[in-house]
Protein backbone atom coordinates (compact mmCIF):
# COMPACT_ATOMS: atom_id res chain seq x y z
CA MET A 1 19.67 11.94 2.34
CA THR A 2 22.76 13.38 4.05
CA PRO A 3 23.51 17.04 4.11
CA GLU A 4 26.42 16.44 1.79
CA GLU A 5 24.02 14.83 -0.91
CA VAL A 6 21.61 17.71 -0.46
CA LEU A 7 24.61 20.16 -1.15
CA THR A 8 25.70 18.31 -4.12
CA ILE A 9 22.17 18.52 -5.72
CA TYR A 10 22.07 22.17 -4.68
CA TYR A 11 25.15 22.90 -6.50
CA ALA A 12 24.31 20.85 -9.42
CA GLY A 13 21.79 23.62 -10.41
CA PRO A 14 18.12 24.64 -10.43
CA ASP A 15 17.10 21.99 -12.99
CA VAL A 16 18.44 19.05 -10.81
CA VAL A 17 16.74 20.51 -7.66
CA VAL A 18 13.34 20.98 -9.49
CA ASN A 19 13.59 17.40 -10.92
CA LEU A 20 14.17 16.03 -7.50
CA LEU A 21 11.41 18.09 -5.94
CA CYS A 22 8.86 16.97 -8.39
CA LYS A 23 10.07 13.13 -8.03
CA LEU A 24 9.75 13.49 -4.24
CA SER A 25 6.46 15.10 -4.52
CA ASN A 26 4.98 12.35 -6.71
CA GLN A 27 6.36 9.80 -4.48
CA VAL A 28 4.59 11.54 -1.51
CA ALA A 29 1.46 11.53 -3.29
CA GLU A 30 1.62 7.82 -4.13
CA LEU A 31 2.52 7.00 -0.56
CA GLN A 32 -0.35 9.14 0.67
CA LYS A 33 -2.78 7.22 -1.53
CA GLU A 34 -1.36 3.76 -0.30
CA VAL A 35 -1.78 4.93 3.29
CA GLN A 36 -5.52 6.04 2.63
CA LYS A 37 -6.06 2.73 0.88
CA LEU A 38 -4.72 0.73 3.88
CA LYS A 39 -6.61 2.80 6.42
CA ASP A 40 -9.87 2.08 4.41
CA GLN A 41 -9.08 -1.53 4.38
CA LEU A 42 -8.51 -1.44 8.04
CA ALA A 43 -11.84 0.12 8.62
CA LYS A 44 -13.71 -2.72 7.12
CA ASN A 45 -15.32 -5.46 9.08
CA SER A 46 -17.88 -8.10 8.64
CA ARG A 47 -20.72 -5.56 8.74
CA ASN A 48 -19.42 -3.19 6.00
CA SER A 49 -17.49 -5.54 3.77
CA SER A 50 -18.98 -7.63 0.91
CA ASN A 51 -17.21 -10.71 2.11
CA PRO A 52 -18.61 -13.11 4.80
CA PRO A 53 -17.31 -12.89 8.29
CA HIS A 54 -15.60 -16.38 7.96
CA LEU A 55 -13.58 -15.36 4.79
CA ILE A 56 -12.45 -12.07 6.40
CA ALA A 57 -11.18 -14.11 9.44
CA SER A 58 -9.58 -16.76 7.30
CA LYS A 59 -7.87 -14.08 5.11
CA ASN A 60 -6.56 -12.28 8.17
CA LEU A 61 -5.18 -15.51 9.47
CA LEU A 62 -3.47 -16.52 6.29
CA GLN A 63 -1.94 -12.97 6.13
CA LYS A 64 -0.32 -13.42 9.61
CA VAL A 65 0.82 -16.85 8.91
CA CYS A 66 2.14 -16.26 5.50
CA GLY A 67 3.55 -12.82 6.08
CA HIS A 68 2.19 -11.44 2.68
CA GLY A 69 -1.04 -10.40 0.89
CA VAL A 70 -3.86 -12.92 0.25
CA ASN A 71 -6.53 -12.22 -2.06
CA VAL A 72 -9.98 -13.95 -1.85
CA ASN A 73 -12.17 -14.39 -4.85
CA LEU A 74 -15.62 -15.72 -4.42
CA ALA A 75 -16.69 -17.78 -7.52
CA GLY A 76 -20.24 -18.80 -6.69
CA LYS A 77 -20.13 -20.18 -3.16
CA LYS A 78 -16.45 -21.43 -3.37
CA ALA A 79 -13.59 -19.26 -2.27
CA ILE A 80 -10.49 -19.12 -4.45
CA TRP A 81 -7.48 -18.09 -2.47
CA ASP A 82 -4.57 -16.33 -4.25
CA LEU A 83 -1.46 -16.16 -2.13
CA HIS A 84 1.07 -13.40 -3.62
């Protein structure tokens, strides 16, 4: 946000400033949750994950190759891959 945009919001009045601050506060809270989720995910390895090591390695490899998320669902002993 540029200084000019901030001044425009400021001169628009207290209601506009309060609404913007509430919106930004909510966005920060959501981003903090997402960061914590990603940190928790990074902390998992084959010792503390419910997935077998070969599935974790395969999932990580697919994510690198595909460039997007991969979900692995274990149905019995067969892995079901969901590329999204």
